[in-house]
Amino acid sequence: MKFLHTSDWHIGRQFHSVSLLDDQKAVLAQLVEYLRENPVDAIIIAGDIYDRSVPPTAAIELMNHFVSQVCDELKVPIILIPGNHDGAQRLGFGSSQMKGAGLHILSSFEDMCRPVVIDTDAGEVAFYGMPYNDPEMVRHYFKQPVSTFDDAHKFLAGEIKSRFSPKQKNVLISHCFVDGAIESESERPLCIGGSERVSHEHFVDFDYVALGHLHQPQKKGQEFIRYSGSLMKYSFSEQHQKKGVTLVEFDKNGFKSATHIDLKAPHQMRIIEGELNNIIEQAKEDPNHDDYLLVRLMDTHAILNPMEKLRSVYPNVLHIDKPGMLIGVEKELAAATLSRSEVDMFRDFFKETQNADLSHEQDEAISDLIMQLSRQ
């Protein structure tokens, strides 16, 4: 028995005001193609399908197209839960009617207690979906004195385990922050101060735990407790992470293996570092010059219109850092240092615009002028 575990699609996301929808469309097309060539028994999406609770129309259309291809054409069921970015009630609208078409949206605590059971060569597998929740929601619904995320997940895992059938293997789908796992910059904190962390010990009785929320693929505590990671890169901190989905295989004894399946967006997120002229020169040989870039300029002199110059060779530069301007200068003294170097700044400006240094006479003239202005 095989199923795909994926999460954190964030359909409709923008990055530095650039829409990532076309990249998401391309990655989902790769996923559909993989399914055509490698049949599975189900797809599990562990939350954050959309990037916000009221997604744009184009994002909904893309998700609808994906569901039609997978459920209608390929006859592969999809089982999903809402994440902290999704609106659970909106996502769950019409879910009872969609089950017959193979789309199972487990968006409430009632849904959590009714698993989706799939009969496979490895026996019956029960998929329990624990939608994103916080202590207040659990307290209100179950009338339990939980005060932390860990308390809430311990209680909910217990509720699910009380419904285990001895003839079934059990998969948990959850959107949470397991303590000790590795974060990325693109994740929205669930709360302030680290109290959102949950122990993996609550999940060890399941045959597999399909986690969402953290964007780096990783396991925690046990081989079968895993984050698939996000569908694609959503911050520059993720530049070296492999993105894709996790192929999970069961045999008659339960969990057998988990394999990462690579998916690659048309535009990768990269960080490039160096002096401006060297970066412009290397762009001529860069086959991936359309990637989304953060450029760290190491030049120690002022540069006129660096973004314009960089985008002439790297059209998708999204952000520039200039650490070179602070080399040898304490950060807390940087502002004061710059305020005392107007002449040096003008020399850099002149050289940048005229491609020549100030003459001795020009240098003296501008120095005298700046000195006069500073006395006023």
Protein backbone atom coordinates (compact mmCIF):
# COMPACT_ATOMS: atom_id res chain seq x y z
CA MET A 1 0.00 0.00 0.00
CA LYS A 2 1.37 3.41 -1.00
CA PHE A 3 0.24 6.97 -0.38
CA LEU A 4 1.71 10.43 -0.87
CA HIS A 5 2.17 12.77 2.07
CA THR A 6 2.35 16.47 1.26
CA SER A 7 1.57 19.76 3.01
CA ASP A 8 1.99 23.52 3.05
CA TRP A 9 1.05 24.33 -0.52
CA HIS A 10 0.18 27.95 0.32
CA ILE A 11 -1.59 28.36 -3.01
CA GLY A 12 -1.92 32.05 -3.83
CA ARG A 13 1.17 33.13 -1.90
CA GLN A 14 3.10 36.24 -2.85
CA PHE A 15 6.80 36.71 -2.13
CA HIS A 16 8.22 40.25 -2.12
CA SER A 17 5.01 41.27 -3.96
CA VAL A 18 5.58 38.66 -6.70
CA SER A 19 2.82 36.08 -7.24
CA LEU A 20 4.02 32.48 -7.01
CA LEU A 21 0.85 31.07 -8.57
CA ASP A 22 2.43 30.14 -11.91
CA ASP A 23 5.24 28.30 -10.12
CA GLN A 24 2.70 26.48 -7.96
CA LYS A 25 0.74 25.53 -11.06
CA ALA A 26 3.89 24.08 -12.64
CA VAL A 27 4.80 22.08 -9.52
CA LEU A 28 1.28 20.66 -9.18
CA ALA A 29 1.42 19.66 -12.85
CA GLN A 30 4.61 17.70 -12.04
CA LEU A 31 2.78 16.03 -9.15
CA VAL A 32 -0.09 14.97 -11.42
CA GLU A 33 2.37 13.59 -13.94
CA TYR A 34 4.08 11.59 -11.19
CA LEU A 35 0.70 10.13 -10.21
CA ARG A 36 -0.04 9.12 -13.80
CA GLU A 37 3.19 7.14 -13.92
CA ASN A 38 3.24 5.92 -10.29
CA PRO A 39 -0.24 5.00 -8.99
CA VAL A 40 -0.87 5.38 -5.26
CA ASP A 41 -3.80 4.55 -2.98
CA ALA A 42 -4.28 8.12 -1.66
CA ILE A 43 -2.87 11.62 -1.32
CA ILE A 44 -2.64 13.19 2.15
CA ILE A 45 -2.42 16.99 2.45
CA ALA A 46 -1.53 18.01 6.01
CA GLY A 47 -2.81 21.58 6.01
CA ASP A 48 -2.09 25.06 4.65
CA ILE A 49 -3.61 24.33 1.27
CA TYR A 50 -4.09 28.07 0.74
CA ASP A 51 -1.96 30.95 1.95
CA ARG A 52 -4.83 32.77 3.60
CA SER A 53 -8.27 31.97 4.94
CA VAL A 54 -10.00 33.84 2.09
CA PRO A 55 -7.90 32.79 -0.92
CA PRO A 56 -7.97 34.62 -4.26
CA THR A 57 -10.14 33.23 -7.03
CA ALA A 58 -7.13 32.11 -9.08
CA ALA A 59 -5.89 30.01 -6.15
CA ILE A 60 -9.26 28.29 -5.78
CA GLU A 61 -9.38 27.61 -9.53
CA LEU A 62 -5.93 25.98 -9.40
CA MET A 63 -6.92 23.75 -6.48
CA ASN A 64 -10.18 22.83 -8.22
CA HIS A 65 -8.27 21.84 -11.36
CA PHE A 66 -5.88 19.67 -9.36
CA VAL A 67 -8.73 17.92 -7.52
CA SER A 68 -10.54 17.26 -10.81
CA GLN A 69 -7.45 15.68 -12.35
CA VAL A 70 -6.63 13.51 -9.33
CA CYS A 71 -10.08 12.49 -8.07
CA ASP A 72 -12.06 12.44 -11.32
CA GLU A 73 -9.49 11.37 -13.90
CA LEU A 74 -7.01 9.29 -11.89
CA LYS A 75 -9.53 8.06 -9.29
CA VAL A 76 -7.06 8.72 -6.45
CA PRO A 77 -8.71 9.88 -3.20
CA ILE A 78 -7.46 13.04 -1.50
CA ILE A 79 -7.61 13.37 2.28
CA LEU A 80 -6.82 16.81 3.68
CA ILE A 81 -7.04 18.93 6.83
CA PRO A 82 -6.94 22.71 7.30
CA GLY A 83 -3.78 24.37 8.58
CA ASN A 84 -3.32 27.62 10.47
CA HIS A 85 -3.41 29.58 7.17
CA ASP A 86 -6.69 28.01 6.05
CA GLY A 87 -10.21 28.93 7.08
CA ALA A 88 -11.49 25.58 8.40
CA GLN A 89 -15.18 26.28 7.86
CA ARG A 90 -14.69 27.69 4.37
CA LEU A 91 -12.40 24.82 3.40
CA GLY A 92 -14.90 22.30 4.73
CA PHE A 93 -17.92 23.67 2.89
CA GLY A 94 -19.77 20.86 1.10
CA SER A 95 -17.34 18.23 2.40
CA SER A 96 -20.11 15.67 3.05
CA GLN A 97 -21.13 15.78 -0.61
CA MET A 98 -17.53 15.64 -1.85
CA LYS A 99 -16.70 12.35 -0.14
CA GLY A 100 -18.45 10.41 -2.87
CA ALA A 101 -16.12 11.98 -5.43
CA GLY A 102 -13.02 10.99 -3.46
CA LEU A 103 -12.27 14.33 -1.77
CA HIS A 104 -12.24 13.96 2.02
CA ILE A 105 -11.95 17.26 3.92
CA LEU A 106 -11.53 16.62 7.66
CA SER A 107 -12.06 20.13 8.98
CA SER A 108 -13.73 19.64 12.37
CA PHE A 109 -13.39 17.63 15.57
CA GLU A 110 -16.42 15.59 14.46
CA ASP A 111 -14.57 14.67 11.26
CA MET A 112 -11.46 13.84 13.32
CA CYS A 113 -13.33 11.08 15.13
CA ARG A 114 -14.57 9.48 11.88
CA PRO A 115 -11.57 8.12 9.97
CA VAL A 116 -11.37 7.64 6.23
CA VAL A 117 -10.78 3.90 5.82
CA ILE A 118 -9.13 2.53 2.68
CA ASP A 119 -8.96 -1.19 2.03
CA THR A 120 -5.58 -2.09 0.50
CA ASP A 121 -3.29 -5.05 -0.13
CA ALA A 122 -1.74 -4.32 3.28
CA GLY A 123 -5.15 -4.44 4.96
CA GLU A 124 -7.46 -1.64 6.09
CA VAL A 125 -5.79 1.70 6.74
CA ALA A 126 -7.66 4.31 8.82
CA PHE A 127 -6.71 7.96 8.18
CA TYR A 128 -7.52 10.26 11.11
CA GLY A 129 -7.38 13.99 10.40
CA MET A 130 -6.63 16.32 13.30
CA PRO A 131 -7.37 19.82 11.94
CA TYR A 132 -5.24 22.73 13.11
CA ASN A 133 -6.32 23.64 16.64
CA ASP A 134 -5.30 25.58 19.72
CA PRO A 135 -5.96 25.00 23.44
CA GLU A 136 -8.96 27.33 23.51
CA MET A 137 -10.73 25.43 20.74
CA VAL A 138 -10.18 22.10 22.50
CA ARG A 139 -11.24 23.54 25.85
CA HIS A 140 -14.44 24.92 24.37
CA TYR A 141 -15.45 21.85 22.34
CA PHE A 142 -14.49 19.03 24.69
CA LYS A 143 -14.85 20.91 28.01
CA GLN A 144 -11.37 19.79 29.00
CA PRO A 145 -8.94 21.79 31.20
CA VAL A 146 -6.14 22.01 28.61
CA SER A 147 -3.89 25.06 28.76
CA THR A 148 -1.12 24.43 26.20
CA PHE A 149 -0.81 23.13 22.64
CA ASP A 150 0.92 20.07 24.07
CA ASP A 151 -2.01 19.40 26.44
CA ALA A 152 -4.46 19.80 23.57
CA HIS A 153 -2.64 17.41 21.23
CA LYS A 154 -2.13 14.84 23.97
CA PHE A 155 -5.87 14.87 24.65
CA LEU A 156 -6.86 14.75 20.96
CA ALA A 157 -4.42 11.94 20.19
CA GLY A 158 -5.96 10.02 23.10
CA GLU A 159 -9.45 10.58 21.70
CA ILE A 160 -8.36 9.15 18.37
CA LYS A 161 -6.51 6.19 19.86
CA SER A 162 -9.59 5.23 21.84
CA ARG A 163 -11.25 4.56 18.45
CA PHE A 164 -8.53 2.29 17.08
CA SER A 165 -9.66 -1.00 15.57
CA PRO A 166 -7.27 -3.95 15.98
CA LYS A 167 -7.78 -4.93 12.35
CA GLN A 168 -6.70 -1.53 11.01
CA LYS A 169 -3.43 0.34 10.58
CA ASN A 170 -3.67 3.95 11.69
CA VAL A 171 -2.40 7.14 10.09
CA LEU A 172 -2.61 10.52 11.82
CA ILE A 173 -2.71 13.76 9.81
CA SER A 174 -1.87 16.80 11.93
CA HIS A 175 -0.80 20.41 11.49
CA CYS A 176 1.39 21.37 14.44
CA PHE A 177 4.91 22.21 15.64
CA VAL A 178 6.63 19.12 17.04
CA ASP A 179 9.21 20.13 19.64
CA GLY A 180 12.79 20.03 18.40
CA ALA A 181 11.97 20.15 14.70
CA ILE A 182 13.70 22.64 12.37
CA GLU A 183 11.95 25.89 11.41
CA SER A 184 12.19 28.04 8.27
CA GLU A 185 11.65 31.79 7.86
CA SER A 186 8.49 31.36 5.80
CA GLU A 187 6.34 29.78 8.53
CA ARG A 188 3.85 31.89 10.45
CA PRO A 189 4.30 31.35 14.23
CA LEU A 190 1.35 29.59 15.84
CA CYS A 191 1.74 31.69 18.98
CA ILE A 192 4.32 33.78 20.84
CA GLY A 193 6.99 32.43 23.17
CA GLY A 194 7.35 28.82 22.02
CA SER A 195 4.27 27.47 23.82
CA GLU A 196 2.98 26.01 20.54
CA ARG A 197 5.43 23.09 20.71
CA VAL A 198 4.08 19.56 20.92
CA SER A 199 5.83 16.36 22.04
CA HIS A 200 6.17 13.60 19.46
CA GLU A 201 5.53 11.09 22.24
CA HIS A 202 1.77 11.58 21.83
CA PHE A 203 1.99 10.11 18.33
CA VAL A 204 4.12 6.97 18.75
CA ASP A 205 1.13 4.58 18.74
CA PHE A 206 0.23 5.45 15.14
CA ASP A 207 1.63 3.56 12.17
CA TYR A 208 2.45 6.83 10.40
CA VAL A 209 2.10 10.50 11.32
CA ALA A 210 1.74 12.92 8.38
CA LEU A 211 2.68 16.34 9.72
CA GLY A 212 2.25 19.80 8.26
CA HIS A 213 3.33 23.35 9.24
CA LEU A 214 7.15 23.17 9.11
CA HIS A 215 8.55 23.69 5.62
CA GLN A 216 11.68 21.55 5.79
CA PRO A 217 11.26 17.81 5.11
CA GLN A 218 12.28 15.98 8.28
CA LYS A 219 11.45 13.23 10.73
CA LYS A 220 11.07 13.68 14.48
CA GLY A 221 11.37 11.07 17.20
CA GLN A 222 10.56 8.09 14.96
CA GLU A 223 11.03 7.22 11.29
CA PHE A 224 7.26 7.26 10.84
CA ILE A 225 6.65 10.72 12.37
CA ARG A 226 7.42 13.07 9.49
CA TYR A 227 7.03 16.47 7.92
CA SER A 228 6.86 16.28 4.13
CA GLY A 229 7.91 19.93 3.94
CA SER A 230 6.33 22.60 1.77
CA LEU A 231 5.47 22.07 -1.88
CA MET A 232 8.12 24.59 -2.97
CA LYS A 233 10.50 27.17 -1.51
CA TYR A 234 8.87 30.13 0.20
CA SER A 235 11.86 31.98 1.68
CA PHE A 236 15.54 32.48 0.93
CA SER A 237 16.37 30.50 4.08
CA GLU A 238 15.08 27.44 2.21
CA GLN A 239 17.47 27.77 -0.74
CA HIS A 240 19.27 24.49 0.02
CA GLN A 241 16.19 22.46 1.00
CA LYS A 242 14.85 19.74 -1.26
CA LYS A 243 11.17 20.27 -1.96
CA GLY A 244 8.57 17.78 -3.05
CA VAL A 245 6.36 15.12 -1.48
CA THR A 246 6.90 11.98 0.61
CA LEU A 247 6.01 8.55 -0.74
CA VAL A 248 4.95 6.31 2.17
CA GLU A 249 4.74 2.54 1.85
CA PHE A 250 2.98 0.10 4.17
CA ASP A 251 3.15 -3.67 4.23
CA LYS A 252 1.12 -6.11 6.33
CA ASN A 253 3.11 -5.13 9.41
CA GLY A 254 2.50 -1.40 9.00
CA PHE A 255 5.05 1.29 8.12
CA LYS A 256 7.74 0.09 5.73
CA SER A 257 9.43 3.14 4.19
CA ALA A 258 9.25 6.86 3.43
CA THR A 259 10.90 8.23 0.29
CA HIS A 260 11.29 11.86 -0.76
CA ILE A 261 10.07 12.62 -4.29
CA ASP A 262 11.63 15.76 -5.77
CA LEU A 263 9.48 18.47 -7.35
CA LYS A 264 11.14 21.55 -8.81
CA ALA A 265 9.59 24.96 -9.32
CA PRO A 266 10.52 26.91 -12.49
CA HIS A 267 12.10 29.62 -10.34
CA GLN A 268 14.32 28.59 -7.44
CA MET A 269 15.13 30.90 -4.53
CA ARG A 270 18.82 31.67 -4.23
CA ILE A 271 21.22 33.99 -2.44
CA ILE A 272 24.09 35.44 -4.49
CA GLU A 273 26.96 37.26 -2.83
CA GLY A 274 29.79 39.34 -4.28
CA GLU A 275 30.72 42.68 -5.78
CA LEU A 276 28.35 44.16 -8.34
CA ASN A 277 30.61 43.91 -11.39
CA ASN A 278 31.51 40.30 -10.62
CA ILE A 279 27.85 39.35 -10.18
CA ILE A 280 26.91 40.99 -13.48
CA GLU A 281 29.74 39.14 -15.21
CA GLN A 282 28.81 35.74 -13.75
CA ALA A 283 25.21 36.22 -14.89
CA LYS A 284 26.36 35.77 -18.48
CA GLU A 285 27.15 32.11 -17.74
CA ASP A 286 24.31 31.45 -15.28
CA PRO A 287 21.74 29.08 -16.85
CA ASN A 288 19.27 29.90 -14.05
CA HIS A 289 19.33 33.65 -14.35
CA ASP A 290 15.51 33.79 -13.97
CA ASP A 291 15.58 32.49 -10.38
CA TYR A 292 14.22 34.58 -7.52
CA LEU A 293 17.27 36.16 -5.93
CA LEU A 294 18.47 37.89 -2.81
CA VAL A 295 21.72 39.65 -3.71
CA ARG A 296 24.30 40.55 -1.06
CA LEU A 297 26.51 43.27 -2.46
CA MET A 298 29.97 43.31 -0.91
CA ASP A 299 31.03 46.58 -2.55
CA THR A 300 32.26 49.07 0.06
CA HIS A 301 31.40 52.18 -1.97
CA ALA A 302 28.03 53.69 -2.83
CA ILE A 303 26.38 52.41 -6.03
CA LEU A 304 23.82 54.29 -8.07
CA ASN A 305 20.70 52.27 -8.98
CA PRO A 306 22.07 48.82 -8.07
CA MET A 307 18.67 47.16 -8.48
CA GLU A 308 18.31 48.44 -12.04
CA LYS A 309 21.79 47.19 -12.96
CA LEU A 310 21.23 43.78 -11.39
CA ARG A 311 17.83 43.30 -13.00
CA SER A 312 19.33 43.94 -16.42
CA VAL A 313 20.99 40.50 -16.07
CA TYR A 314 18.96 38.88 -13.28
CA PRO A 315 15.35 40.00 -13.93
CA ASN A 316 13.97 38.48 -10.71
CA VAL A 317 16.18 40.08 -8.09
CA LEU A 318 13.71 40.60 -5.25
CA HIS A 319 15.90 42.04 -2.52
CA ILE A 320 19.36 43.56 -2.04
CA ASP A 321 21.49 43.52 1.11
CA LYS A 322 24.58 45.73 1.34
CA PRO A 323 26.75 44.28 4.10
CA GLY A 324 29.85 45.54 2.28
CA MET A 325 28.98 49.09 3.30
CA LEU A 326 29.52 48.10 6.94
CA ILE A 327 32.78 46.16 6.59
CA GLY A 328 35.14 47.39 9.31
CA VAL A 329 32.40 49.50 10.86
CA GLU A 330 30.49 48.61 14.01
CA LYS A 331 26.78 48.45 13.19
CA GLU A 332 25.85 50.77 16.04
CA LEU A 333 28.28 53.37 14.69
CA ALA A 334 27.33 52.96 11.04
CA ALA A 335 24.80 55.79 10.92
CA ALA A 336 27.18 58.21 12.61
CA THR A 337 30.03 57.19 10.30
CA LEU A 338 27.94 57.77 7.21
CA SER A 339 26.84 61.17 8.44
CA ARG A 340 30.51 62.26 8.62
CA SER A 341 31.45 61.08 5.13
CA GLU A 342 29.42 63.27 2.78
CA VAL A 343 32.49 64.03 0.68
CA ASP A 344 33.31 60.34 0.25
CA MET A 345 29.73 59.61 -0.66
CA PHE A 346 29.75 62.34 -3.30
CA ARG A 347 33.01 61.00 -4.72
CA ASP A 348 31.36 57.58 -5.09
CA PHE A 349 28.27 59.17 -6.64
CA PHE A 350 30.32 61.15 -9.14
CA LYS A 351 32.38 58.13 -10.15
CA GLU A 352 29.23 56.04 -10.56
CA THR A 353 27.49 58.59 -12.79
CA GLN A 354 30.47 59.95 -14.75
CA ASN A 355 32.71 56.88 -14.75
CA ALA A 356 35.58 59.12 -13.66
CA ASP A 357 37.10 60.47 -10.47
CA LEU A 358 36.72 64.06 -9.34
CA SER A 359 39.58 66.29 -10.43
CA HIS A 360 41.66 67.94 -7.72
CA GLU A 361 39.84 71.25 -8.27
CA GLN A 362 36.40 69.57 -8.21
CA ASP A 363 37.27 67.71 -5.03
CA GLU A 364 38.32 70.90 -3.29
CA ALA A 365 35.20 72.72 -4.49
CA ILE A 366 32.77 70.08 -3.24
CA SER A 367 34.66 69.76 0.05
CA ASP A 368 34.42 73.52 0.61
CA LEU A 369 30.72 73.54 -0.32
CA ILE A 370 29.85 70.70 2.06
CA MET A 371 31.82 72.38 4.83
CA GLN A 372 29.91 75.63 4.30
CA LEU A 373 26.56 73.81 4.35
CA SER A 374 27.45 71.97 7.53
CA ARG A 375 28.10 75.29 9.29
CA GLN A 376 24.63 76.65 8.53
